[in-house]
Amino acid sequence: MIDDGHAVHYTAVTRGTPVLSSEGIQVGEVESIADNYREHIFDGIVMRDPQGEPRFVDAPEVARTAERAVTLAITATEAAELPPPERAAPSFRPDVRGGRVSRLLRGGWRRS
């Protein structure tokens, strides 16, 4: 049994949190959380493997997010074969804090 603390929402997972395989072997550390900002949908995580290489873990492969660890639904061997993250196109969100000048110069959008 893995003692990873209480379950937490994916947005509460911090950078550097250990990532464990389904067997309980540490396969990396959380680099960042990927989510669909507009719709609040968890897309997955970007982790650094033991060699420091970034790997993308798709949301269905994440079994649990907890206080002290993220547990995957895949084995350590499968985690080692995960692809690097794809570079996504930049996303933008409304700039609700910007005033009249900000909306005029930037069109009312802020890069996320």
N, C-alpha and C. Protein backbone atom coordinates (compact mmCIF):
# COMPACT_ATOMS: atom_id res chain seq x y z
N MET A 1 0.85 -1.19 0.00
CA MET A 1 0.00 0.00 0.00
C MET A 1 0.88 1.25 0.00
N ILE A 2 0.60 2.16 -0.88
CA ILE A 2 1.37 3.40 -0.99
C ILE A 2 0.79 4.43 -0.03
N ASP A 3 1.64 5.01 0.82
CA ASP A 3 1.20 6.05 1.75
C ASP A 3 1.49 7.41 1.12
N ASP A 4 0.52 7.90 0.35
CA ASP A 4 0.71 9.17 -0.36
C ASP A 4 -0.14 10.30 0.21
N GLY A 5 -0.77 10.07 1.33
CA GLY A 5 -1.60 11.11 1.96
C GLY A 5 -3.01 11.10 1.41
N HIS A 6 -3.71 12.18 1.68
CA HIS A 6 -5.09 12.32 1.25
C HIS A 6 -5.15 12.69 -0.22
N ALA A 7 -6.21 12.28 -0.88
CA ALA A 7 -6.43 12.65 -2.28
C ALA A 7 -6.65 14.16 -2.36
N VAL A 8 -6.09 14.78 -3.41
CA VAL A 8 -6.27 16.21 -3.63
C VAL A 8 -6.68 16.45 -5.08
N HIS A 9 -7.27 17.60 -5.33
CA HIS A 9 -7.62 18.00 -6.69
C HIS A 9 -6.34 18.18 -7.49
N TYR A 10 -6.41 17.90 -8.78
CA TYR A 10 -5.20 17.98 -9.61
C TYR A 10 -4.55 19.36 -9.60
N THR A 11 -5.32 20.40 -9.38
CA THR A 11 -4.75 21.76 -9.35
C THR A 11 -3.93 22.01 -8.09
N ALA A 12 -4.08 21.15 -7.08
CA ALA A 12 -3.33 21.32 -5.83
C ALA A 12 -1.98 20.60 -5.87
N VAL A 13 -1.72 19.82 -6.91
CA VAL A 13 -0.44 19.12 -7.04
C VAL A 13 0.64 20.13 -7.38
N THR A 14 1.75 20.08 -6.66
CA THR A 14 2.83 21.05 -6.86
C THR A 14 3.99 20.45 -7.64
N ARG A 15 4.77 21.34 -8.21
CA ARG A 15 5.97 20.94 -8.94
C ARG A 15 6.92 20.22 -7.99
N GLY A 16 7.51 19.14 -8.45
CA GLY A 16 8.44 18.36 -7.63
C GLY A 16 7.80 17.21 -6.89
N THR A 17 6.47 17.09 -6.97
CA THR A 17 5.78 15.97 -6.33
C THR A 17 6.21 14.67 -7.01
N PRO A 18 6.55 13.64 -6.25
CA PRO A 18 6.95 12.36 -6.85
C PRO A 18 5.82 11.73 -7.68
N VAL A 19 6.20 11.10 -8.78
CA VAL A 19 5.26 10.37 -9.62
C VAL A 19 5.60 8.90 -9.49
N LEU A 20 4.61 8.09 -9.08
CA LEU A 20 4.81 6.67 -8.83
C LEU A 20 4.08 5.83 -9.88
N SER A 21 4.68 4.72 -10.26
CA SER A 21 4.02 3.78 -11.17
C SER A 21 2.96 3.01 -10.40
N SER A 22 2.21 2.17 -11.11
CA SER A 22 1.17 1.38 -10.45
C SER A 22 1.76 0.38 -9.45
N GLU A 23 3.07 0.04 -9.61
CA GLU A 23 3.72 -0.86 -8.65
C GLU A 23 4.31 -0.11 -7.45
N GLY A 24 4.25 1.22 -7.46
CA GLY A 24 4.79 2.01 -6.36
C GLY A 24 6.22 2.45 -6.57
N ILE A 25 6.78 2.28 -7.77
CA ILE A 25 8.15 2.70 -8.08
C ILE A 25 8.14 4.16 -8.54
N GLN A 26 9.05 4.98 -7.99
CA GLN A 26 9.10 6.37 -8.42
C GLN A 26 9.67 6.44 -9.84
N VAL A 27 8.89 7.03 -10.75
CA VAL A 27 9.29 7.13 -12.16
C VAL A 27 9.58 8.56 -12.59
N GLY A 28 9.44 9.52 -11.67
CA GLY A 28 9.72 10.90 -12.00
C GLY A 28 9.15 11.86 -10.98
N GLU A 29 9.18 13.16 -11.36
CA GLU A 29 8.63 14.22 -10.53
C GLU A 29 7.77 15.13 -11.41
N VAL A 30 6.71 15.68 -10.82
CA VAL A 30 5.81 16.57 -11.56
C VAL A 30 6.55 17.84 -11.97
N GLU A 31 6.48 18.14 -13.24
CA GLU A 31 7.01 19.39 -13.78
C GLU A 31 5.88 20.42 -13.88
N SER A 32 4.76 20.00 -14.45
CA SER A 32 3.59 20.89 -14.57
C SER A 32 2.33 20.07 -14.79
N ILE A 33 1.20 20.72 -14.58
CA ILE A 33 -0.11 20.11 -14.79
C ILE A 33 -0.69 20.69 -16.07
N ALA A 34 -1.20 19.83 -16.94
CA ALA A 34 -1.82 20.27 -18.18
C ALA A 34 -3.33 20.19 -18.01
N ASP A 35 -3.99 21.33 -18.20
CA ASP A 35 -5.45 21.31 -18.13
C ASP A 35 -6.04 22.26 -19.16
N ASN A 36 -7.29 22.05 -19.45
CA ASN A 36 -8.03 22.93 -20.33
C ASN A 36 -8.57 24.04 -19.45
N TYR A 37 -7.91 25.19 -19.47
CA TYR A 37 -8.22 26.30 -18.56
C TYR A 37 -9.68 26.72 -18.65
N ARG A 38 -10.16 26.84 -19.86
CA ARG A 38 -11.52 27.36 -20.07
C ARG A 38 -12.59 26.42 -19.53
N GLU A 39 -12.39 25.11 -19.71
CA GLU A 39 -13.41 24.15 -19.31
C GLU A 39 -13.07 23.39 -18.03
N HIS A 40 -11.92 23.69 -17.41
CA HIS A 40 -11.48 23.05 -16.16
C HIS A 40 -11.45 21.53 -16.29
N ILE A 41 -10.80 21.05 -17.35
CA ILE A 41 -10.67 19.62 -17.60
C ILE A 41 -9.21 19.23 -17.48
N PHE A 42 -8.93 18.20 -16.71
CA PHE A 42 -7.58 17.69 -16.51
C PHE A 42 -7.13 16.97 -17.77
N ASP A 43 -6.02 17.43 -18.39
CA ASP A 43 -5.48 16.81 -19.60
C ASP A 43 -4.35 15.83 -19.29
N GLY A 44 -3.63 16.03 -18.19
CA GLY A 44 -2.53 15.15 -17.84
C GLY A 44 -1.44 15.92 -17.10
N ILE A 45 -0.26 15.29 -16.99
CA ILE A 45 0.86 15.95 -16.33
C ILE A 45 2.11 15.83 -17.20
N VAL A 46 2.98 16.79 -17.02
CA VAL A 46 4.32 16.71 -17.59
C VAL A 46 5.23 16.40 -16.42
N MET A 47 5.98 15.30 -16.54
CA MET A 47 6.89 14.91 -15.46
C MET A 47 8.31 14.85 -16.00
N ARG A 48 9.26 14.94 -15.09
CA ARG A 48 10.68 14.73 -15.43
C ARG A 48 11.03 13.33 -14.95
N ASP A 49 11.56 12.50 -15.87
CA ASP A 49 11.95 11.15 -15.49
C ASP A 49 13.28 11.20 -14.73
N PRO A 50 13.78 10.09 -14.22
CA PRO A 50 15.03 10.10 -13.45
C PRO A 50 16.24 10.64 -14.22
N GLN A 51 16.19 10.60 -15.55
CA GLN A 51 17.29 11.14 -16.36
C GLN A 51 17.09 12.63 -16.66
N GLY A 52 15.99 13.21 -16.19
CA GLY A 52 15.72 14.62 -16.39
C GLY A 52 14.97 14.95 -17.67
N GLU A 53 14.53 13.91 -18.39
CA GLU A 53 13.80 14.11 -19.64
C GLU A 53 12.31 14.35 -19.35
N PRO A 54 11.68 15.31 -20.05
CA PRO A 54 10.24 15.53 -19.85
C PRO A 54 9.43 14.43 -20.52
N ARG A 55 8.39 14.00 -19.85
CA ARG A 55 7.47 12.97 -20.37
C ARG A 55 6.04 13.45 -20.12
N PHE A 56 5.16 13.19 -21.09
CA PHE A 56 3.75 13.56 -20.92
C PHE A 56 2.94 12.35 -20.50
N VAL A 57 2.20 12.50 -19.41
CA VAL A 57 1.31 11.45 -18.91
C VAL A 57 -0.12 11.91 -19.16
N ASP A 58 -0.82 11.22 -20.06
CA ASP A 58 -2.19 11.58 -20.39
C ASP A 58 -3.10 11.32 -19.19
N ALA A 59 -4.17 12.08 -19.07
CA ALA A 59 -5.07 11.99 -17.91
C ALA A 59 -5.57 10.59 -17.60
N PRO A 60 -5.97 9.77 -18.60
CA PRO A 60 -6.44 8.42 -18.25
C PRO A 60 -5.35 7.53 -17.63
N GLU A 61 -4.09 7.91 -17.77
CA GLU A 61 -3.00 7.13 -17.20
C GLU A 61 -2.67 7.56 -15.77
N VAL A 62 -3.35 8.59 -15.27
CA VAL A 62 -3.16 9.07 -13.89
C VAL A 62 -4.26 8.46 -13.03
N ALA A 63 -3.87 7.61 -12.10
CA ALA A 63 -4.85 6.92 -11.25
C ALA A 63 -5.28 7.77 -10.05
N ARG A 64 -4.32 8.54 -9.47
CA ARG A 64 -4.63 9.28 -8.24
C ARG A 64 -3.68 10.45 -8.06
N THR A 65 -4.23 11.57 -7.64
CA THR A 65 -3.40 12.71 -7.24
C THR A 65 -3.60 12.89 -5.74
N ALA A 66 -2.50 12.90 -5.00
CA ALA A 66 -2.57 12.97 -3.54
C ALA A 66 -1.58 14.01 -3.01
N GLU A 67 -1.60 14.20 -1.70
CA GLU A 67 -0.74 15.20 -1.06
C GLU A 67 0.74 14.99 -1.33
N ARG A 68 1.19 13.74 -1.25
CA ARG A 68 2.63 13.47 -1.32
C ARG A 68 3.08 12.73 -2.58
N ALA A 69 2.15 12.38 -3.47
CA ALA A 69 2.54 11.66 -4.69
C ALA A 69 1.40 11.63 -5.70
N VAL A 70 1.79 11.44 -6.95
CA VAL A 70 0.84 11.17 -8.03
C VAL A 70 1.08 9.71 -8.41
N THR A 71 0.02 8.92 -8.42
CA THR A 71 0.14 7.50 -8.77
C THR A 71 -0.45 7.28 -10.15
N LEU A 72 0.31 6.59 -10.99
CA LEU A 72 -0.12 6.30 -12.35
C LEU A 72 -0.84 4.96 -12.42
N ALA A 73 -1.59 4.75 -13.48
CA ALA A 73 -2.29 3.50 -13.71
C ALA A 73 -1.47 2.59 -14.62
N ILE A 74 -0.21 2.97 -14.87
CA ILE A 74 0.66 2.20 -15.76
C ILE A 74 1.91 1.76 -15.00
N THR A 75 2.60 0.77 -15.53
CA THR A 75 3.80 0.25 -14.88
C THR A 75 5.00 1.17 -15.14
N ALA A 76 6.09 0.90 -14.42
CA ALA A 76 7.32 1.68 -14.59
C ALA A 76 7.89 1.51 -16.00
N THR A 77 7.77 0.31 -16.55
CA THR A 77 8.24 0.06 -17.91
C THR A 77 7.45 0.88 -18.92
N GLU A 78 6.14 0.94 -18.75
CA GLU A 78 5.29 1.73 -19.65
C GLU A 78 5.57 3.23 -19.47
N ALA A 79 5.83 3.65 -18.24
CA ALA A 79 6.13 5.07 -17.98
C ALA A 79 7.43 5.49 -18.65
N ALA A 80 8.40 4.59 -18.72
CA ALA A 80 9.67 4.91 -19.36
C ALA A 80 9.52 5.11 -20.86
N GLU A 81 8.44 4.60 -21.43
CA GLU A 81 8.20 4.72 -22.87
C GLU A 81 7.27 5.87 -23.23
N LEU A 82 6.86 6.67 -22.25
CA LEU A 82 5.96 7.79 -22.53
C LEU A 82 6.65 8.81 -23.43
N PRO A 83 5.88 9.48 -24.29
CA PRO A 83 6.47 10.46 -25.21
C PRO A 83 6.76 11.78 -24.50
N PRO A 84 7.62 12.61 -25.11
CA PRO A 84 7.82 13.95 -24.58
C PRO A 84 6.56 14.79 -24.84
N PRO A 85 6.37 15.86 -24.09
CA PRO A 85 5.18 16.69 -24.32
C PRO A 85 5.28 17.41 -25.66
N GLU A 86 4.13 17.61 -26.30
CA GLU A 86 4.10 18.37 -27.54
C GLU A 86 4.04 19.85 -27.22
N ARG A 87 4.69 20.64 -28.06
CA ARG A 87 4.57 22.08 -27.89
C ARG A 87 3.24 22.52 -28.44
N ALA A 88 2.44 23.08 -27.61
CA ALA A 88 1.11 23.52 -28.02
C ALA A 88 1.16 24.96 -28.52
N ALA A 89 0.18 25.31 -29.29
CA ALA A 89 0.04 26.69 -29.73
C ALA A 89 -0.27 27.55 -28.51
N PRO A 90 0.15 28.80 -28.50
CA PRO A 90 -0.14 29.64 -27.34
C PRO A 90 -1.65 29.82 -27.16
N SER A 91 -2.07 29.88 -25.93
CA SER A 91 -3.49 30.09 -25.65
C SER A 91 -3.67 31.46 -25.02
N PHE A 92 -4.84 32.00 -25.19
CA PHE A 92 -5.16 33.33 -24.69
C PHE A 92 -6.43 33.27 -23.88
N ARG A 93 -6.54 34.19 -22.92
CA ARG A 93 -7.74 34.29 -22.11
C ARG A 93 -8.11 35.76 -21.98
N PRO A 94 -9.35 36.05 -21.65
CA PRO A 94 -9.75 37.45 -21.54
C PRO A 94 -8.97 38.16 -20.43
N ASP A 95 -8.59 39.40 -20.70
CA ASP A 95 -7.88 40.21 -19.71
C ASP A 95 -8.91 41.04 -18.96
N VAL A 96 -9.44 40.44 -17.88
CA VAL A 96 -10.52 41.10 -17.14
C VAL A 96 -10.00 42.22 -16.24
N ARG A 97 -8.70 42.21 -15.92
CA ARG A 97 -8.13 43.25 -15.05
C ARG A 97 -7.67 44.46 -15.84
N GLY A 98 -7.48 44.30 -17.13
CA GLY A 98 -6.98 45.40 -17.94
C GLY A 98 -8.01 46.50 -18.09
N GLY A 99 -7.55 47.71 -18.16
CA GLY A 99 -8.45 48.85 -18.34
C GLY A 99 -8.66 49.15 -19.82
N ARG A 100 -9.13 50.32 -20.09
CA ARG A 100 -9.44 50.75 -21.45
C ARG A 100 -8.21 50.75 -22.34
N VAL A 101 -7.08 51.23 -21.82
CA VAL A 101 -5.84 51.28 -22.62
C VAL A 101 -5.35 49.86 -22.92
N SER A 102 -5.41 48.98 -21.94
CA SER A 102 -4.99 47.59 -22.14
C SER A 102 -5.83 46.92 -23.22
N ARG A 103 -7.14 47.13 -23.17
CA ARG A 103 -8.00 46.53 -24.20
C ARG A 103 -7.70 47.10 -25.57
N LEU A 104 -7.35 48.37 -25.63
CA LEU A 104 -7.03 49.00 -26.90
C LEU A 104 -5.72 48.46 -27.47
N LEU A 105 -4.69 48.33 -26.63
CA LEU A 105 -3.38 47.89 -27.11
C LEU A 105 -3.28 46.38 -27.33
N ARG A 106 -3.93 45.61 -26.47
CA ARG A 106 -3.81 44.15 -26.57
C ARG A 106 -5.09 43.48 -27.05
N GLY A 107 -6.09 44.22 -27.36
CA GLY A 107 -7.34 43.64 -27.84
C GLY A 107 -8.16 42.99 -26.75
N GLY A 108 -7.80 43.21 -25.48
CA GLY A 108 -8.55 42.64 -24.37
C GLY A 108 -8.22 41.19 -24.05
N TRP A 109 -7.07 40.69 -24.57
CA TRP A 109 -6.69 39.30 -24.33
C TRP A 109 -5.31 39.23 -23.69
N ARG A 110 -5.10 38.25 -22.86
CA ARG A 110 -3.82 38.01 -22.20
C ARG A 110 -3.36 36.60 -22.54
N ARG A 111 -2.07 36.48 -22.86
CA ARG A 111 -1.52 35.17 -23.17
C ARG A 111 -1.41 34.36 -21.89
N SER A 112 -1.86 33.07 -21.92
CA SER A 112 -1.77 32.23 -20.73
C SER A 112 -0.58 31.33 -20.80
